[in-house]
Amino acid sequence: MEMAFKMRKRLCALLSVFIFFLIFTTPILAKSSYVLPYPSYMPGSSLYKPHLLLAELSKFWYFGNFGKFTYNLKQADKYLVEAKTLFEYGQYLLGYRALKKSDEYFIKTLPSLKNAKSEGKDISQNMGILTSAAQKHAEVLTEIKKAVPDKFNWQPEKSASTMLDLKSTIESSIVLRRKYL
């Protein structure tokens, strides 16, 4: 009798733990294994402008269609991480600009692969990388979208204000990335 009581007690404890994890965990449905870079120099840093110059000069190191693909994807990643960090710190204008740059570079990735394919090169591995990157970018942008205001009125000193439609800009960036999934 005492043995049956201990077994029921253990079964209840195990069932309680199972129910706890079932209720309080969120399922991970489509998380990408693609890894974004660590944020580098940010606007406001004294090394930010030299870093931008170095990035622009490094463009010439990446030649050929696969090189252009790699360069543009790295830049899209870098500016997305920059935008995410700036949005987290409430620097909405700078984050908005970084997100626009990320979009510009991301758009340039697929044409490079299409050119490589037209030259008879196998692009399947790079298309897989692009798909993973697009998925990761969309995940990050979805998280950013939850944390930023719908609109932000940027009012610089001695100049006219600028209304930034953050939510729609982020949504269009998500749509852009989802085209590659």
C-alpha atoms as a PDB file:
ATOM      1  CA  MET A   1       0.000   0.000   0.000  1.00  0.00           C
ATOM      2  CA  GLU A   2       2.779   2.397   0.941  1.00  0.00           C
ATOM      3  CA  MET A   3       4.600   1.479  -2.309  1.00  0.00           C
ATOM      4  CA  ALA A   4       1.541   2.379  -4.393  1.00  0.00           C
ATOM      5  CA  PHE A   5       1.274   5.718  -2.573  1.00  0.00           C
ATOM      6  CA  LYS A   6       4.942   6.549  -3.370  1.00  0.00           C
ATOM      7  CA  MET A   7       4.409   5.605  -7.022  1.00  0.00           C
ATOM      8  CA  ARG A   8       1.331   7.849  -7.270  1.00  0.00           C
ATOM      9  CA  LYS A   9       3.239  10.677  -5.605  1.00  0.00           C
ATOM     10  CA  ARG A  10       6.116  10.337  -8.114  1.00  0.00           C
ATOM     11  CA  LEU A  11       3.669  10.106 -11.012  1.00  0.00           C
ATOM     12  CA  CYS A  12       1.898  13.290  -9.836  1.00  0.00           C
ATOM     13  CA  ALA A  13       5.219  15.108  -9.503  1.00  0.00           C
ATOM     14  CA  LEU A  14       6.306  14.005 -12.977  1.00  0.00           C
ATOM     15  CA  LEU A  15       2.950  14.949 -14.452  1.00  0.00           C
ATOM     16  CA  SER A  16       3.129  18.360 -12.727  1.00  0.00           C
ATOM     17  CA  VAL A  17       6.559  19.048 -14.211  1.00  0.00           C
ATOM     18  CA  PHE A  18       5.332  17.988 -17.649  1.00  0.00           C
ATOM     19  CA  ILE A  19       2.265  20.239 -17.416  1.00  0.00           C
ATOM     20  CA  PHE A  20       4.429  23.121 -16.187  1.00  0.00           C
ATOM     21  CA  PHE A  21       6.718  22.877 -19.228  1.00  0.00           C
ATOM     22  CA  LEU A  22       3.754  22.410 -21.532  1.00  0.00           C
ATOM     23  CA  ILE A  23       2.036  25.553 -20.277  1.00  0.00           C
ATOM     24  CA  PHE A  24       4.962  27.899 -19.685  1.00  0.00           C
ATOM     25  CA  THR A  25       7.153  27.258 -22.700  1.00  0.00           C
ATOM     26  CA  THR A  26       6.655  28.685 -26.127  1.00  0.00           C
ATOM     27  CA  PRO A  27       7.203  26.466 -29.105  1.00  0.00           C
ATOM     28  CA  ILE A  28      10.038  27.307 -31.454  1.00  0.00           C
ATOM     29  CA  LEU A  29       8.512  26.844 -34.859  1.00  0.00           C
ATOM     30  CA  ALA A  30      10.780  28.415 -37.435  1.00  0.00           C
ATOM     31  CA  LYS A  31      13.925  29.716 -35.829  1.00  0.00           C
ATOM     32  CA  SER A  32      16.801  30.185 -38.203  1.00  0.00           C
ATOM     33  CA  SER A  33      20.250  28.849 -37.427  1.00  0.00           C
ATOM     34  CA  TYR A  34      21.770  31.802 -39.296  1.00  0.00           C
ATOM     35  CA  VAL A  35      23.960  33.890 -37.002  1.00  0.00           C
ATOM     36  CA  LEU A  36      24.039  37.665 -37.255  1.00  0.00           C
ATOM     37  CA  PRO A  37      27.282  39.500 -36.483  1.00  0.00           C
ATOM     38  CA  TYR A  38      28.013  41.258 -33.222  1.00  0.00           C
ATOM     39  CA  PRO A  39      27.345  45.013 -33.488  1.00  0.00           C
ATOM     40  CA  SER A  40      30.442  46.890 -34.565  1.00  0.00           C
ATOM     41  CA  TYR A  41      31.109  50.609 -34.289  1.00  0.00           C
ATOM     42  CA  MET A  42      27.895  52.569 -33.860  1.00  0.00           C
ATOM     43  CA  PRO A  43      26.969  56.123 -34.862  1.00  0.00           C
ATOM     44  CA  GLY A  44      28.429  58.523 -32.338  1.00  0.00           C
ATOM     45  CA  SER A  45      31.649  56.564 -31.976  1.00  0.00           C
ATOM     46  CA  SER A  46      34.782  58.361 -33.141  1.00  0.00           C
ATOM     47  CA  LEU A  47      35.677  55.238 -35.139  1.00  0.00           C
ATOM     48  CA  TYR A  48      32.310  54.978 -36.914  1.00  0.00           C
ATOM     49  CA  LYS A  49      33.230  57.081 -39.971  1.00  0.00           C
ATOM     50  CA  PRO A  50      36.610  55.355 -40.516  1.00  0.00           C
ATOM     51  CA  HIS A  51      34.757  52.046 -40.160  1.00  0.00           C
ATOM     52  CA  LEU A  52      32.296  53.097 -42.889  1.00  0.00           C
ATOM     53  CA  LEU A  53      35.203  54.114 -45.129  1.00  0.00           C
ATOM     54  CA  LEU A  54      36.910  50.777 -44.553  1.00  0.00           C
ATOM     55  CA  ALA A  55      33.669  48.923 -45.347  1.00  0.00           C
ATOM     56  CA  GLU A  56      33.288  50.901 -48.564  1.00  0.00           C
ATOM     57  CA  LEU A  57      36.888  50.156 -49.564  1.00  0.00           C
ATOM     58  CA  SER A  58      36.464  46.459 -48.743  1.00  0.00           C
ATOM     59  CA  LYS A  59      33.820  46.313 -51.461  1.00  0.00           C
ATOM     60  CA  PHE A  60      36.688  46.120 -53.953  1.00  0.00           C
ATOM     61  CA  TRP A  61      38.065  43.040 -52.208  1.00  0.00           C
ATOM     62  CA  TYR A  62      34.901  41.137 -53.058  1.00  0.00           C
ATOM     63  CA  PHE A  63      34.869  40.636 -56.801  1.00  0.00           C
ATOM     64  CA  GLY A  64      32.826  38.319 -58.966  1.00  0.00           C
ATOM     65  CA  ASN A  65      29.216  37.410 -58.429  1.00  0.00           C
ATOM     66  CA  PHE A  66      29.764  35.280 -55.332  1.00  0.00           C
ATOM     67  CA  GLY A  67      31.997  37.952 -53.835  1.00  0.00           C
ATOM     68  CA  LYS A  68      29.365  40.630 -54.427  1.00  0.00           C
ATOM     69  CA  PHE A  69      26.754  38.349 -52.882  1.00  0.00           C
ATOM     70  CA  THR A  70      28.924  37.842 -49.785  1.00  0.00           C
ATOM     71  CA  TYR A  71      29.709  41.550 -49.449  1.00  0.00           C
ATOM     72  CA  ASN A  72      26.090  42.660 -49.816  1.00  0.00           C
ATOM     73  CA  LEU A  73      24.810  40.048 -47.373  1.00  0.00           C
ATOM     74  CA  LYS A  74      27.474  40.993 -44.797  1.00  0.00           C
ATOM     75  CA  GLN A  75      26.523  44.649 -45.127  1.00  0.00           C
ATOM     76  CA  ALA A  76      22.799  43.859 -44.854  1.00  0.00           C
ATOM     77  CA  ASP A  77      23.516  41.850 -41.700  1.00  0.00           C
ATOM     78  CA  LYS A  78      25.702  44.585 -40.222  1.00  0.00           C
ATOM     79  CA  TYR A  79      23.162  47.344 -40.796  1.00  0.00           C
ATOM     80  CA  LEU A  80      20.292  45.199 -39.503  1.00  0.00           C
ATOM     81  CA  VAL A  81      22.181  44.601 -36.240  1.00  0.00           C
ATOM     82  CA  GLU A  82      22.989  48.314 -36.097  1.00  0.00           C
ATOM     83  CA  ALA A  83      19.305  49.186 -36.618  1.00  0.00           C
ATOM     84  CA  LYS A  84      18.213  46.709 -33.947  1.00  0.00           C
ATOM     85  CA  THR A  85      20.657  48.145 -31.426  1.00  0.00           C
ATOM     86  CA  LEU A  86      19.723  51.735 -32.211  1.00  0.00           C
ATOM     87  CA  PHE A  87      15.997  50.998 -31.967  1.00  0.00           C
ATOM     88  CA  GLU A  88      16.566  49.331 -28.600  1.00  0.00           C
ATOM     89  CA  TYR A  89      18.212  52.516 -27.339  1.00  0.00           C
ATOM     90  CA  GLY A  90      15.469  54.776 -28.695  1.00  0.00           C
ATOM     91  CA  GLN A  91      17.632  56.224 -31.469  1.00  0.00           C
ATOM     92  CA  TYR A  92      14.803  55.965 -33.981  1.00  0.00           C
ATOM     93  CA  LEU A  93      16.159  58.221 -36.730  1.00  0.00           C
ATOM     94  CA  LEU A  94      19.541  56.481 -36.813  1.00  0.00           C
ATOM     95  CA  GLY A  95      17.868  53.060 -36.566  1.00  0.00           C
ATOM     96  CA  TYR A  96      15.535  53.979 -39.418  1.00  0.00           C
ATOM     97  CA  ARG A  97      18.492  54.993 -41.601  1.00  0.00           C
ATOM     98  CA  ALA A  98      20.411  51.809 -40.752  1.00  0.00           C
ATOM     99  CA  LEU A  99      17.369  49.689 -41.610  1.00  0.00           C
ATOM    100  CA  LYS A 100      17.045  51.435 -44.982  1.00  0.00           C
ATOM    101  CA  LYS A 101      20.737  50.700 -45.689  1.00  0.00           C
ATOM    102  CA  SER A 102      20.204  47.071 -44.713  1.00  0.00           C
ATOM    103  CA  ASP A 103      17.303  46.874 -47.171  1.00  0.00           C
ATOM    104  CA  GLU A 104      19.430  48.393 -49.954  1.00  0.00           C
ATOM    105  CA  TYR A 105      22.175  45.825 -49.482  1.00  0.00           C
ATOM    106  CA  PHE A 106      19.747  42.924 -49.055  1.00  0.00           C
ATOM    107  CA  ILE A 107      18.076  43.747 -52.380  1.00  0.00           C
ATOM    108  CA  LYS A 108      21.468  43.466 -54.111  1.00  0.00           C
ATOM    109  CA  THR A 109      22.091  39.865 -52.979  1.00  0.00           C
ATOM    110  CA  LEU A 110      19.801  37.973 -55.351  1.00  0.00           C
ATOM    111  CA  PRO A 111      20.896  39.710 -58.592  1.00  0.00           C
ATOM    112  CA  SER A 112      24.473  38.599 -57.888  1.00  0.00           C
ATOM    113  CA  LEU A 113      23.321  34.994 -57.555  1.00  0.00           C
ATOM    114  CA  LYS A 114      21.186  35.229 -60.691  1.00  0.00           C
ATOM    115  CA  ASN A 115      24.218  36.512 -62.609  1.00  0.00           C
ATOM    116  CA  ALA A 116      26.287  33.609 -61.290  1.00  0.00           C
ATOM    117  CA  LYS A 117      23.583  31.159 -62.363  1.00  0.00           C
ATOM    118  CA  SER A 118      23.493  32.679 -65.845  1.00  0.00           C
ATOM    119  CA  GLU A 119      27.238  31.986 -66.012  1.00  0.00           C
ATOM    120  CA  GLY A 120      26.537  28.312 -65.305  1.00  0.00           C
ATOM    121  CA  LYS A 121      27.641  28.305 -61.659  1.00  0.00           C
ATOM    122  CA  ASP A 122      25.929  26.243 -58.962  1.00  0.00           C
ATOM    123  CA  ILE A 123      24.186  28.679 -56.613  1.00  0.00           C
ATOM    124  CA  SER A 124      22.277  26.165 -54.491  1.00  0.00           C
ATOM    125  CA  GLN A 125      24.504  26.548 -51.420  1.00  0.00           C
ATOM    126  CA  ASN A 126      24.373  30.350 -51.568  1.00  0.00           C
ATOM    127  CA  MET A 127      20.608  30.289 -52.080  1.00  0.00           C
ATOM    128  CA  GLY A 128      20.370  28.240 -48.895  1.00  0.00           C
ATOM    129  CA  ILE A 129      22.453  30.847 -47.090  1.00  0.00           C
ATOM    130  CA  LEU A 130      20.261  33.624 -48.469  1.00  0.00           C
ATOM    131  CA  THR A 131      17.097  31.822 -47.379  1.00  0.00           C
ATOM    132  CA  SER A 132      18.477  31.310 -43.862  1.00  0.00           C
ATOM    133  CA  ALA A 133      19.547  34.949 -43.705  1.00  0.00           C
ATOM    134  CA  ALA A 134      16.130  36.127 -44.891  1.00  0.00           C
ATOM    135  CA  GLN A 135      14.455  34.014 -42.232  1.00  0.00           C
ATOM    136  CA  LYS A 136      16.731  35.358 -39.479  1.00  0.00           C
ATOM    137  CA  HIS A 137      16.281  38.940 -40.672  1.00  0.00           C
ATOM    138  CA  ALA A 138      12.493  38.523 -40.645  1.00  0.00           C
ATOM    139  CA  GLU A 139      12.647  37.116 -37.095  1.00  0.00           C
ATOM    140  CA  VAL A 140      14.748  40.037 -35.852  1.00  0.00           C
ATOM    141  CA  LEU A 141      12.542  42.583 -37.607  1.00  0.00           C
ATOM    142  CA  THR A 142       9.426  41.022 -36.113  1.00  0.00           C
ATOM    143  CA  GLU A 143      10.930  41.446 -32.640  1.00  0.00           C
ATOM    144  CA  ILE A 144      11.940  45.043 -33.405  1.00  0.00           C
ATOM    145  CA  LYS A 145       8.433  45.816 -34.654  1.00  0.00           C
ATOM    146  CA  LYS A 146       6.977  44.870 -31.269  1.00  0.00           C
ATOM    147  CA  ALA A 147       9.235  47.314 -29.432  1.00  0.00           C
ATOM    148  CA  VAL A 148       9.096  50.504 -31.514  1.00  0.00           C
ATOM    149  CA  PRO A 149       6.317  53.092 -31.718  1.00  0.00           C
ATOM    150  CA  ASP A 150       4.115  53.206 -34.811  1.00  0.00           C
ATOM    151  CA  LYS A 151       5.317  56.657 -35.763  1.00  0.00           C
ATOM    152  CA  PHE A 152       8.025  58.911 -34.416  1.00  0.00           C
ATOM    153  CA  ASN A 153       8.324  62.660 -34.887  1.00  0.00           C
ATOM    154  CA  TRP A 154      12.003  63.567 -35.192  1.00  0.00           C
ATOM    155  CA  GLN A 155      12.498  67.197 -34.197  1.00  0.00           C
ATOM    156  CA  PRO A 156      16.083  68.419 -34.735  1.00  0.00           C
ATOM    157  CA  GLU A 157      17.171  71.791 -33.407  1.00  0.00           C
ATOM    158  CA  LYS A 158      16.568  74.722 -35.776  1.00  0.00           C
ATOM    159  CA  SER A 159      15.078  72.496 -38.495  1.00  0.00           C
ATOM    160  CA  ALA A 160      11.735  71.172 -39.584  1.00  0.00           C
ATOM    161  CA  SER A 161      10.514  67.974 -37.980  1.00  0.00           C
ATOM    162  CA  THR A 162      10.372  64.655 -39.804  1.00  0.00           C
ATOM    163  CA  MET A 163       7.663  62.077 -39.222  1.00  0.00           C
ATOM    164  CA  LEU A 164       9.093  58.544 -39.330  1.00  0.00           C
ATOM    165  CA  ASP A 165       6.570  55.795 -40.008  1.00  0.00           C
ATOM    166  CA  LEU A 166       8.552  53.096 -38.217  1.00  0.00           C
ATOM    167  CA  LYS A 167       6.010  50.254 -38.194  1.00  0.00           C
ATOM    168  CA  SER A 168       5.292  50.414 -41.925  1.00  0.00           C
ATOM    169  CA  THR A 169       9.016  50.689 -42.742  1.00  0.00           C
ATOM    170  CA  ILE A 170       9.764  47.640 -40.624  1.00  0.00           C
ATOM    171  CA  GLU A 171       6.796  45.788 -42.130  1.00  0.00           C
ATOM    172  CA  SER A 172       8.024  46.514 -45.671  1.00  0.00           C
ATOM    173  CA  SER A 173      11.475  45.246 -44.649  1.00  0.00           C
ATOM    174  CA  ILE A 174       9.894  42.029 -43.371  1.00  0.00           C
ATOM    175  CA  VAL A 175       7.936  41.608 -46.620  1.00  0.00           C
ATOM    176  CA  LEU A 176      11.154  42.163 -48.593  1.00  0.00           C
ATOM    177  CA  ARG A 177      12.922  39.395 -46.664  1.00  0.00           C
ATOM    178  CA  ARG A 178       9.996  36.975 -46.856  1.00  0.00           C
ATOM    179  CA  LYS A 179      10.176  37.079 -50.661  1.00  0.00           C
ATOM    180  CA  TYR A 180      13.379  35.062 -50.301  1.00  0.00           C
ATOM    181  CA  LEU A 181      11.857  32.300 -48.147  1.00  0.00           C
END
